[in-house]
């Protein structure tokens, strides 16, 4: 006889439903698992056998074949332990077939039958709901992670015996209440604030402009000026995440195995700051069965690259696709996987290798060729994708010791949200365009018209600074954001002047 149960496997950050079939045959006792399983799935034979015996159930006396369908999709991870075990004991335990067809399940089995959490529960819950399953059996310790999904009963079970008794209706287990709104309200606050930053008025203004228009940002300054401190607070002035964005972000972190019992929901904009020794796969994502990298973990938030020139050039170059497309596509022999990667890139660097080029108080020990070589570690195409290059100078003692409290994140965020609201209204009819930074050349021409004075000023800057066509468009996009922050529809000479001021690397900074 054949018994069927249902589970799911991760493909990227999404789940695909898997049907588990068990067939009992004659011959010498043996279990075969087919359907393109990886090593961890093959090893489930030993875990499942021990768990079934420890839970007091009987195994088949002959050959048992377990098939994971569809057979052409690679299956990985220990999450198939529970559905395989249920399929093996379903007939002998007399579990009703209709109940099995309405139920999805996932979980790793210990040798004594206890259930252990696995990664990707949120994606599995979303897939089970999409396939019309009424309930999802998960390890009790991880039930809270899947409880943010409405429209499906999340049943937390402690061990295999509880799972079987529940499916036979011998044991009642109340489903986990949907906690999406509760988690969202509890976790949507930050422990840091922009009022902690002393001085750096120009840098704060540039951060506000960058966030308001969704622009990428590069901060340049000597060591100890507060670049990292400022970067960590950027997420606090970004518009609050919607519940849909929060669930999408949580799903990515769940697929990466980063969620815990105490931190089962991501309600704030993620801030990711990988070390400069990170590999290409660590930044972009990868592996034999590709998982999300840092650019995807920063989805809907901030990716901060400190000491930008210290990153390997090849590693930085992989950023070009996600910066342009907002997604990452990874191709392997087994297939192609796409991860979301819509993030704000914030980078920081010293002006030279010793860090003191341009400092009026400390002497730079770098020669001009050394400075040029240091700068050339960052490619021109990558710099072209960064809209704002701003200087972050040293803060004097008077500003550091001042008792005056600076402007808080909530006040800055209010202005940012107002500017973003204008952009949503402006681009409502243009799919895929939500901020000024994403404007196409046609939209730039339509929404960034200049008067005679502003046009003359931009023409003079293009001539004197030898700006590229891409820099020309970036200046117009930033000027459009400045006008939105000022609450005006028309771009003026002042907007162009300020936008040009944010092109530090184009103003012969390295001369």
Protein backbone atom coordinates (compact mmCIF):
# COMPACT_ATOMS: atom_id res chain seq x y z
CA UNK A 1 0.00 0.00 0.00
CA UNK A 2 1.05 3.59 -0.61
CA UNK A 3 0.79 6.35 2.01
CA UNK A 4 1.22 10.02 1.09
CA UNK A 5 2.28 13.00 3.18
CA UNK A 6 3.23 16.56 2.18
CA UNK A 7 6.14 18.81 3.02
CA UNK A 8 8.26 21.41 1.18
CA UNK A 9 11.84 22.18 0.24
CA UNK A 10 13.52 25.54 -0.13
CA UNK A 11 14.43 26.85 -3.58
CA UNK A 12 16.12 30.16 -2.93
CA UNK A 13 14.00 31.90 -0.29
CA UNK A 14 10.74 30.31 -1.47
CA UNK A 15 9.41 26.83 -0.76
CA UNK A 16 8.15 24.21 -3.23
CA UNK A 17 5.70 21.55 -2.07
CA UNK A 18 7.03 17.99 -1.99
CA UNK A 19 4.86 14.86 -1.94
CA UNK A 20 6.29 11.98 0.11
CA UNK A 21 5.13 8.48 -0.91
CA UNK A 22 5.83 5.34 1.10
CA UNK A 23 5.40 1.83 -0.31
CA UNK A 24 5.75 -1.38 1.70
CA UNK A 25 7.04 -4.47 -0.13
CA UNK A 26 8.43 -7.91 0.65
CA UNK A 27 11.98 -9.17 0.96
CA UNK A 28 14.73 -8.45 3.44
CA UNK A 29 14.10 -5.39 5.68
CA UNK A 30 15.48 -2.34 3.90
CA UNK A 31 14.58 1.31 3.30
CA UNK A 32 15.21 3.11 0.02
CA UNK A 33 14.82 6.89 -0.39
CA UNK A 34 14.57 8.10 -3.98
CA UNK A 35 13.69 11.40 -5.63
CA UNK A 36 17.04 13.21 -5.81
CA UNK A 37 17.77 13.45 -2.05
CA UNK A 38 20.99 14.99 -0.76
CA UNK A 39 23.18 13.40 1.94
CA UNK A 40 21.18 14.84 4.87
CA UNK A 41 17.94 13.42 3.42
CA UNK A 42 19.53 10.01 2.81
CA UNK A 43 20.72 9.94 6.42
CA UNK A 44 17.12 10.35 7.56
CA UNK A 45 16.80 6.54 7.18
CA UNK A 46 18.75 6.04 10.39
CA UNK A 47 17.08 8.91 12.26
CA UNK A 48 13.56 7.91 11.21
CA UNK A 49 14.09 4.22 11.99
CA UNK A 50 15.38 4.97 15.49
CA UNK A 51 12.66 7.57 16.15
CA UNK A 52 9.86 5.21 15.06
CA UNK A 53 11.16 2.39 17.27
CA UNK A 54 11.72 4.75 20.23
CA UNK A 55 8.15 6.02 19.88
CA UNK A 56 6.70 2.50 20.07
CA UNK A 57 5.65 2.06 16.43
CA UNK A 58 6.25 -0.93 14.16
CA UNK A 59 8.37 -0.82 11.00
CA UNK A 60 7.69 -2.79 7.82
CA UNK A 61 9.32 -6.23 7.77
CA UNK A 62 10.31 -5.99 4.09
CA UNK A 63 11.56 -3.40 1.61
CA UNK A 64 10.18 0.11 2.12
CA UNK A 65 10.51 2.60 -0.71
CA UNK A 66 10.15 6.31 0.00
CA UNK A 67 9.74 8.60 -3.00
CA UNK A 68 10.08 12.39 -2.87
CA UNK A 69 8.18 13.96 -5.75
CA UNK A 70 8.79 15.76 -8.05
CA UNK A 71 11.78 13.52 -8.63
CA UNK A 72 13.74 16.05 -10.74
CA UNK A 73 13.99 18.66 -7.94
CA UNK A 74 16.89 18.29 -5.50
CA UNK A 75 15.79 17.86 -1.87
CA UNK A 76 18.01 18.89 1.01
CA UNK A 77 17.89 19.26 4.77
CA UNK A 78 16.58 17.17 7.68
CA UNK A 79 13.07 18.67 7.52
CA UNK A 80 11.74 15.59 5.68
CA UNK A 81 12.24 13.38 8.76
CA UNK A 82 8.74 13.98 10.14
CA UNK A 83 6.75 13.51 6.90
CA UNK A 84 8.77 10.38 6.05
CA UNK A 85 8.12 8.92 9.50
CA UNK A 86 4.40 9.69 9.32
CA UNK A 87 4.19 8.10 5.87
CA UNK A 88 5.88 4.93 7.21
CA UNK A 89 3.53 4.50 10.18
CA UNK A 90 0.34 5.90 8.62
CA UNK A 91 -1.34 2.59 7.73
CA UNK A 92 -0.36 0.65 10.85
CA UNK A 93 -1.42 3.59 13.05
CA UNK A 94 -4.65 3.99 11.03
CA UNK A 95 -4.26 7.70 10.34
CA UNK A 96 -7.21 8.78 8.15
CA UNK A 97 -6.18 9.48 4.55
CA UNK A 98 -8.27 12.70 4.30
CA UNK A 99 -6.40 14.11 7.31
CA UNK A 100 -3.05 13.41 5.66
CA UNK A 101 -4.13 15.10 2.43
CA UNK A 102 -5.10 18.26 4.37
CA UNK A 103 -1.86 18.42 6.34
CA UNK A 104 1.67 19.57 5.53
CA UNK A 105 4.51 18.83 7.94
CA UNK A 106 8.19 19.51 8.48
CA UNK A 107 10.73 18.83 11.21
CA UNK A 108 13.95 17.01 12.11
CA UNK A 109 13.65 13.93 14.31
CA UNK A 110 15.96 13.10 17.18
CA UNK A 111 16.71 9.42 17.81
CA UNK A 112 14.24 9.39 20.70
CA UNK A 113 11.44 10.82 18.53
CA UNK A 114 11.65 14.44 19.64
CA UNK A 115 11.29 17.16 17.01
CA UNK A 116 13.94 19.78 16.30
CA UNK A 117 13.51 23.09 14.41
CA UNK A 118 14.66 23.51 10.81
CA UNK A 119 15.22 26.62 8.71
CA UNK A 120 12.71 28.08 6.29
CA UNK A 121 9.53 27.39 8.30
CA UNK A 122 7.95 30.68 7.26
CA UNK A 123 8.39 29.94 3.55
CA UNK A 124 7.02 26.42 4.07
CA UNK A 125 3.94 27.82 5.84
CA UNK A 126 3.30 30.25 2.98
CA UNK A 127 3.62 27.43 0.41
CA UNK A 128 1.32 25.10 2.39
CA UNK A 129 -1.33 27.83 2.55
CA UNK A 130 -0.96 28.50 -1.18
CA UNK A 131 -1.49 24.78 -1.92
CA UNK A 132 -4.71 24.73 0.12
CA UNK A 133 -3.48 22.66 3.09
CA UNK A 134 -5.54 23.27 6.22
CA UNK A 135 -2.76 22.78 8.75
CA UNK A 136 1.01 22.60 9.11
CA UNK A 137 2.75 20.39 11.69
CA UNK A 138 6.01 21.94 12.91
CA UNK A 139 8.37 21.42 15.86
CA UNK A 140 6.81 22.99 18.95
CA UNK A 141 9.96 25.02 19.69
CA UNK A 142 9.70 26.77 16.31
CA UNK A 143 5.91 27.13 15.98
CA UNK A 144 6.15 30.82 16.82
CA UNK A 145 8.18 31.45 13.64
CA UNK A 146 5.42 30.14 11.37
CA UNK A 147 2.61 31.73 13.38
CA UNK A 148 2.85 35.00 11.44
CA UNK A 149 1.05 33.33 8.52
CA UNK A 150 -2.73 33.71 8.62
CA UNK A 151 -5.16 31.36 6.90
CA UNK A 152 -3.57 28.06 7.98
CA UNK A 153 -3.46 26.27 11.34
CA UNK A 154 0.06 26.04 12.74
CA UNK A 155 0.28 22.98 15.01
CA UNK A 156 3.31 22.69 17.26
CA UNK A 157 4.19 19.11 18.25
CA UNK A 158 6.96 18.05 20.59
CA UNK A 159 7.63 14.56 19.24
CA UNK A 160 6.58 11.89 16.77
CA UNK A 161 4.12 10.27 19.17
CA UNK A 162 2.27 13.59 19.62
CA UNK A 163 2.13 14.10 15.84
CA UNK A 164 0.58 10.66 15.24
CA UNK A 165 -1.91 11.01 18.12
CA UNK A 166 -2.98 14.43 16.82
CA UNK A 167 -3.52 13.14 13.28
CA UNK A 168 -5.60 10.22 14.69
CA UNK A 169 -7.67 12.73 16.75
CA UNK A 170 -6.54 11.00 19.96
CA UNK A 171 -4.89 14.24 21.11
CA UNK A 172 -6.12 17.80 20.83
CA UNK A 173 -3.57 20.53 20.18
CA UNK A 174 -4.74 24.12 19.80
CA UNK A 175 -3.27 25.88 16.76
CA UNK A 176 -0.87 28.76 17.34
CA UNK A 177 -2.69 32.11 17.12
CA UNK A 178 -1.62 34.36 14.24
CA UNK A 179 0.85 36.79 15.78
CA UNK A 180 1.86 38.87 12.76
CA UNK A 181 0.37 42.14 14.03
CA UNK A 182 1.62 41.49 17.58
CA UNK A 183 5.19 40.76 16.47
CA UNK A 184 5.18 43.68 14.06
CA UNK A 185 4.14 46.12 16.79
CA UNK A 186 6.59 44.69 19.33
CA UNK A 187 9.65 44.65 17.07
CA UNK A 188 9.20 47.81 14.99
CA UNK A 189 11.39 50.08 17.12
CA UNK A 190 15.11 50.91 17.21
CA UNK A 191 17.48 51.13 20.15
CA UNK A 192 19.60 53.85 18.49
CA UNK A 193 18.76 57.36 17.31
CA UNK A 194 20.27 60.14 15.21
CA UNK A 195 20.22 62.49 18.20
CA UNK A 196 23.27 60.56 19.47
CA UNK A 197 25.41 61.96 16.61
CA UNK A 198 27.28 65.12 17.57
CA UNK A 199 27.98 67.71 14.88
CA UNK A 200 28.23 66.46 11.27
CA UNK A 201 25.35 68.64 10.07
CA UNK A 202 26.36 68.31 6.41
CA UNK A 203 26.65 64.53 6.67
CA UNK A 204 23.21 64.29 8.30
CA UNK A 205 21.73 66.40 5.53
CA UNK A 206 23.24 64.14 2.86
CA UNK A 207 21.90 61.05 4.66
CA UNK A 208 18.42 62.57 4.70
CA UNK A 209 18.63 63.30 0.97
CA UNK A 210 19.90 59.80 0.20
CA UNK A 211 17.14 58.07 2.15
CA UNK A 212 14.41 60.37 0.82
CA UNK A 213 15.24 59.52 -2.78
CA UNK A 214 16.53 55.96 -2.33
CA UNK A 215 20.02 57.01 -3.43
CA UNK A 216 23.23 55.10 -2.74
CA UNK A 217 25.80 56.92 -0.60
CA UNK A 218 29.57 56.96 -0.07
CA UNK A 219 31.04 58.68 3.00
CA UNK A 220 34.69 59.79 2.86
CA UNK A 221 36.63 60.91 5.90
CA UNK A 222 39.55 60.19 8.22
CA UNK A 223 39.31 57.53 10.95
CA UNK A 224 37.16 58.31 13.97
CA UNK A 225 34.81 60.87 12.41
CA UNK A 226 31.66 58.83 13.03
CA UNK A 227 31.03 57.27 9.63
CA UNK A 228 30.06 53.89 11.07
CA UNK A 229 27.99 55.49 13.82
CA UNK A 230 26.02 57.48 11.24
CA UNK A 231 25.57 54.46 8.97
CA UNK A 232 24.06 52.35 11.77
CA UNK A 233 21.37 54.99 12.27
CA UNK A 234 20.30 55.27 8.64
CA UNK A 235 17.65 52.56 9.01
CA UNK A 236 16.01 54.60 11.80
CA UNK A 237 15.03 57.38 9.38
CA UNK A 238 13.81 55.11 6.60
CA UNK A 239 10.01 54.80 6.20
CA UNK A 240 8.58 52.18 8.53
CA UNK A 241 8.20 48.74 6.97
CA UNK A 242 4.74 47.60 6.01
CA UNK A 243 3.55 44.27 7.39
CA UNK A 244 3.98 42.73 3.93
CA UNK A 245 7.60 43.96 3.71
CA UNK A 246 8.28 42.65 7.22
CA UNK A 247 7.00 39.16 6.36
CA UNK A 248 9.03 39.17 3.13
CA UNK A 249 12.17 40.19 5.02
CA UNK A 250 11.52 37.63 7.76
CA UNK A 251 11.13 34.90 5.12
CA UNK A 252 14.62 35.63 3.79
CA UNK A 253 16.14 35.51 7.28
CA UNK A 254 14.21 32.30 7.98
CA UNK A 255 15.61 30.68 4.82
CA UNK A 256 19.10 31.66 5.98
CA UNK A 257 18.48 30.07 9.40
CA UNK A 258 18.98 33.33 11.31
CA UNK A 259 15.74 33.32 13.32
CA UNK A 260 15.54 32.13 16.93
CA UNK A 261 12.77 31.54 19.46
CA UNK A 262 13.40 34.96 21.00
CA UNK A 263 13.87 36.69 17.64
CA UNK A 264 11.35 35.10 15.30
CA UNK A 265 10.25 38.21 13.39
CA UNK A 266 12.06 41.04 11.60
CA UNK A 267 9.99 44.19 12.13
CA UNK A 268 12.66 46.83 11.50
CA UNK A 269 14.71 47.64 8.41
CA UNK A 270 17.67 45.22 8.34
CA UNK A 271 21.19 46.63 8.64
CA UNK A 272 23.91 44.34 7.32
CA UNK A 273 27.60 45.18 7.65
CA UNK A 274 29.77 42.36 6.24
CA UNK A 275 33.52 42.33 6.91
CA UNK A 276 35.80 43.22 4.02
CA UNK A 277 37.15 39.65 3.91
CA UNK A 278 33.76 38.31 2.78
CA UNK A 279 33.73 36.08 -0.32
CA UNK A 280 31.75 36.66 -3.51
CA UNK A 281 29.31 33.91 -2.52
CA UNK A 282 28.94 35.32 0.99
CA UNK A 283 27.99 38.72 -0.40
CA UNK A 284 25.85 37.65 -3.35
CA UNK A 285 24.63 34.21 -2.20
CA UNK A 286 25.58 30.76 -3.39
CA UNK A 287 26.35 27.18 -2.48
CA UNK A 288 25.49 23.88 -4.18
CA UNK A 289 21.85 24.61 -3.35
CA UNK A 290 22.13 28.43 -3.32
CA UNK A 291 21.19 30.34 -0.19
CA UNK A 292 20.80 34.10 0.33
CA UNK A 293 23.86 36.30 0.70
CA UNK A 294 24.32 39.64 2.46
CA UNK A 295 22.70 41.63 -0.37
CA UNK A 296 19.50 39.61 0.09
CA UNK A 297 19.65 39.72 3.88
CA UNK A 298 19.75 43.52 3.48
CA UNK A 299 16.58 43.46 1.33
CA UNK A 300 14.29 46.37 2.31
CA UNK A 301 17.11 47.80 4.43
CA UNK A 302 20.74 48.96 4.39
CA UNK A 303 23.91 47.24 3.19
CA UNK A 304 26.89 48.98 4.79
CA UNK A 305 30.38 48.38 3.40
CA UNK A 306 32.95 49.89 5.75
CA UNK A 307 36.51 50.41 4.47
CA UNK A 308 35.25 50.02 0.91
CA UNK A 309 38.69 49.88 -0.82
CA UNK A 310 39.70 46.95 1.41
CA UNK A 311 37.10 44.68 -0.21
CA UNK A 312 38.36 42.52 -3.05
CA UNK A 313 37.63 44.15 -6.37
CA UNK A 314 35.96 41.00 -7.71
CA UNK A 315 33.69 40.97 -4.67
CA UNK A 316 32.62 44.57 -5.22
CA UNK A 317 31.94 43.98 -8.90
CA UNK A 318 29.21 41.43 -8.13
CA UNK A 319 27.20 44.29 -6.64
CA UNK A 320 26.56 45.81 -10.04
CA UNK A 321 23.65 43.52 -10.97
CA UNK A 322 21.67 43.87 -7.70
CA UNK A 323 22.23 47.64 -7.67
CA UNK A 324 20.70 47.89 -11.15
CA UNK A 325 18.01 45.19 -11.00
CA UNK A 326 17.10 44.90 -7.31
CA UNK A 327 17.56 41.13 -7.46
CA UNK A 328 20.28 38.48 -7.67
CA UNK A 329 20.24 35.59 -10.11
CA UNK A 330 22.50 32.61 -9.37
CA UNK A 331 22.93 29.83 -11.92
CA UNK A 332 24.05 26.33 -11.03
CA UNK A 333 23.99 22.99 -12.85
CA UNK A 334 20.78 22.07 -11.03
CA UNK A 335 18.99 25.28 -12.06
CA UNK A 336 18.70 29.02 -11.60
CA UNK A 337 17.62 30.76 -8.39
CA UNK A 338 16.61 34.41 -7.97
CA UNK A 339 16.83 36.24 -4.65
CA UNK A 340 15.34 39.69 -3.91
CA UNK A 341 17.97 42.37 -3.24
CA UNK A 342 16.42 45.84 -3.04
CA UNK A 343 18.64 47.64 -0.57
CA UNK A 344 20.26 51.01 0.01
CA UNK A 345 24.03 50.81 -0.42
CA UNK A 346 25.99 52.86 2.10
CA UNK A 347 29.78 52.74 1.93
CA UNK A 348 32.56 54.40 3.91
CA UNK A 349 36.24 54.89 3.17
CA UNK A 350 39.29 56.85 4.25
CA UNK A 351 40.55 59.56 1.86
CA UNK A 352 43.86 57.68 1.50
CA UNK A 353 45.68 54.63 2.84
CA UNK A 354 46.94 56.35 6.00
CA UNK A 355 43.60 58.12 6.38
CA UNK A 356 44.72 61.74 6.76
CA UNK A 357 44.77 63.17 3.24
CA UNK A 358 43.24 66.65 3.38
CA UNK A 359 43.37 66.78 7.19
CA UNK A 360 44.50 70.24 8.36
CA UNK A 361 45.84 68.95 11.69
CA UNK A 362 47.48 65.64 10.83
CA UNK A 363 50.03 65.03 8.11
CA UNK A 364 49.30 62.60 5.29
CA UNK A 365 52.15 60.16 4.61
CA UNK A 366 50.84 59.03 1.21
CA UNK A 367 52.33 60.13 -2.10
CA UNK A 368 50.01 61.13 -4.98
CA UNK A 369 50.56 57.77 -6.77
CA UNK A 370 49.67 55.94 -3.54
CA UNK A 371 46.49 57.98 -3.18
CA UNK A 372 45.55 57.30 -6.79
CA UNK A 373 46.25 53.57 -6.40
CA UNK A 374 44.13 53.48 -3.25
CA UNK A 375 41.24 55.14 -5.07
CA UNK A 376 41.53 52.81 -8.06
CA UNK A 377 40.66 49.82 -5.90
CA UNK A 378 37.07 50.94 -6.52
CA UNK A 379 36.03 50.66 -10.16
CA UNK A 380 34.50 53.52 -12.09
CA UNK A 381 31.32 51.54 -12.96
CA UNK A 382 30.66 50.93 -9.25
CA UNK A 383 31.27 54.57 -8.33
CA UNK A 384 28.91 55.59 -11.13
CA UNK A 385 26.13 53.71 -9.31
CA UNK A 386 26.62 55.76 -6.14
CA UNK A 387 24.67 59.03 -6.31
CA UNK A 388 26.15 60.90 -3.37
CA UNK A 389 29.84 61.15 -2.38
CA UNK A 390 30.14 63.22 0.80
CA UNK A 391 32.95 64.23 3.12
CA UNK A 392 32.71 63.45 6.83
CA UNK A 393 35.30 65.67 8.59
CA UNK A 394 36.61 65.48 12.14
CA UNK A 395 34.30 66.92 14.81
CA UNK A 396 35.80 69.60 17.03
CA UNK A 397 35.82 69.42 20.82
CA UNK A 398 33.16 72.09 21.25
CA UNK A 399 30.61 70.07 19.27
CA UNK A 400 31.54 66.79 20.99
CA UNK A 401 31.24 68.23 24.50
CA UNK A 402 28.04 70.17 23.81
CA UNK A 403 25.05 69.24 25.97
CA UNK A 404 22.69 70.19 23.17
CA UNK A 405 20.65 67.26 21.85
CA UNK A 406 20.59 66.99 18.08
CA UNK A 407 17.60 66.33 15.88
CA UNK A 408 16.09 62.91 16.47
CA UNK A 409 15.38 60.16 13.96
CA UNK A 410 11.60 60.60 14.20
CA UNK A 411 11.77 64.22 13.00
CA UNK A 412 14.02 63.33 10.06
CA UNK A 413 11.89 60.31 9.19
CA UNK A 414 8.78 62.49 9.05
CA UNK A 415 10.36 64.65 6.32
CA UNK A 416 11.60 61.54 4.50
CA UNK A 417 8.13 59.98 4.51
CA UNK A 418 6.61 63.19 3.14
CA UNK A 419 9.11 63.19 0.25
CA UNK A 420 8.55 59.48 -0.38
CA UNK A 421 4.79 60.12 -0.47
CA UNK A 422 5.30 62.67 -3.27
CA UNK A 423 7.35 60.11 -5.19
CA UNK A 424 4.74 57.36 -4.78
CA UNK A 425 2.11 59.69 -6.20
CA UNK A 426 4.41 60.81 -9.03
CA UNK A 427 5.32 57.26 -10.12
CA UNK A 428 1.98 55.56 -9.38
CA UNK A 429 1.52 54.68 -13.06
CA UNK A 430 5.07 53.37 -13.55
CA UNK A 431 5.58 49.78 -12.39
CA UNK A 432 8.87 49.12 -10.65
CA UNK A 433 9.64 52.81 -10.02
CA UNK A 434 9.05 53.89 -6.42
CA UNK A 435 11.79 56.45 -5.74
CA UNK A 436 13.66 59.15 -7.63
CA UNK A 437 16.79 56.99 -7.82
CA UNK A 438 14.93 54.49 -10.05
CA UNK A 439 13.83 57.05 -12.66
CA UNK A 440 14.40 56.11 -16.29
CA UNK A 441 15.80 58.64 -18.82
CA UNK A 442 12.25 59.32 -20.02
CA UNK A 443 11.05 60.03 -16.47
CA UNK A 444 14.09 62.25 -15.83
CA UNK A 445 13.22 64.32 -18.87
CA UNK A 446 9.61 64.61 -17.71
CA UNK A 447 10.10 65.36 -14.01
CA UNK A 448 13.50 67.11 -13.93
CA UNK A 449 12.95 70.04 -16.31
CA UNK A 450 15.31 72.98 -15.55
CA UNK A 451 14.85 76.71 -15.92
CA UNK A 452 17.46 78.78 -17.77
CA UNK A 453 19.56 79.63 -14.69
CA UNK A 454 19.66 76.02 -13.41
CA UNK A 455 20.44 74.67 -16.88
CA UNK A 456 23.31 77.14 -17.31
CA UNK A 457 24.76 76.20 -13.91
CA UNK A 458 24.62 72.47 -14.73
CA UNK A 459 26.19 73.07 -18.15
CA UNK A 460 29.05 74.99 -16.53
CA UNK A 461 29.61 72.18 -13.99
CA UNK A 462 29.60 69.52 -16.71
CA UNK A 463 32.26 71.45 -18.61
CA UNK A 464 34.50 72.34 -15.66
CA UNK A 465 34.32 68.97 -13.88
CA UNK A 466 34.27 66.75 -17.00
CA UNK A 467 31.17 64.93 -15.76
CA UNK A 468 29.85 61.87 -17.58
CA UNK A 469 26.35 61.46 -18.94
CA UNK A 470 25.55 59.11 -16.07
CA UNK A 471 26.75 61.72 -13.54
CA UNK A 472 24.50 64.25 -15.30
CA UNK A 473 21.47 62.02 -14.72
CA UNK A 474 22.48 61.32 -11.12
CA UNK A 475 22.69 65.04 -10.39
CA UNK A 476 19.20 65.57 -11.78
CA UNK A 477 17.81 62.69 -9.70
CA UNK A 478 19.34 64.09 -6.51
CA UNK A 479 18.09 67.59 -7.40
CA UNK A 480 14.59 66.14 -7.82
CA UNK A 481 14.84 64.66 -4.31
CA UNK A 482 16.03 68.00 -2.90
CA UNK A 483 12.99 69.68 -4.45
CA UNK A 484 10.71 67.02 -2.91
CA UNK A 485 12.21 67.64 0.52
CA UNK A 486 11.55 71.33 -0.03
CA UNK A 487 7.97 70.60 -1.05
CA UNK A 488 8.25 72.12 -4.53
CA UNK A 489 7.62 70.76 -8.02
CA UNK A 490 10.19 72.95 -9.78
CA UNK A 491 13.94 72.40 -9.80
CA UNK A 492 15.92 75.57 -9.15
CA UNK A 493 19.54 76.65 -9.39
CA UNK A 494 19.97 76.01 -5.66
CA UNK A 495 18.86 72.40 -6.04
CA UNK A 496 21.37 71.84 -8.86
CA UNK A 497 24.11 73.59 -6.88
CA UNK A 498 23.55 71.37 -3.80
CA UNK A 499 23.31 68.19 -5.90
CA UNK A 500 26.66 68.97 -7.54
CA UNK A 501 28.13 69.52 -4.08
CA UNK A 502 27.43 65.87 -3.31
CA UNK A 503 29.83 64.74 -6.06
CA UNK A 504 33.02 64.87 -3.99
CA UNK A 505 34.91 62.38 -6.13
CA UNK A 506 34.13 64.41 -9.25
CA UNK A 507 35.53 67.64 -7.79
CA UNK A 508 39.21 66.60 -8.13
CA UNK A 509 39.14 65.40 -4.54
CA UNK A 510 42.08 63.11 -5.28
CA UNK A 511 44.24 65.73 -6.97
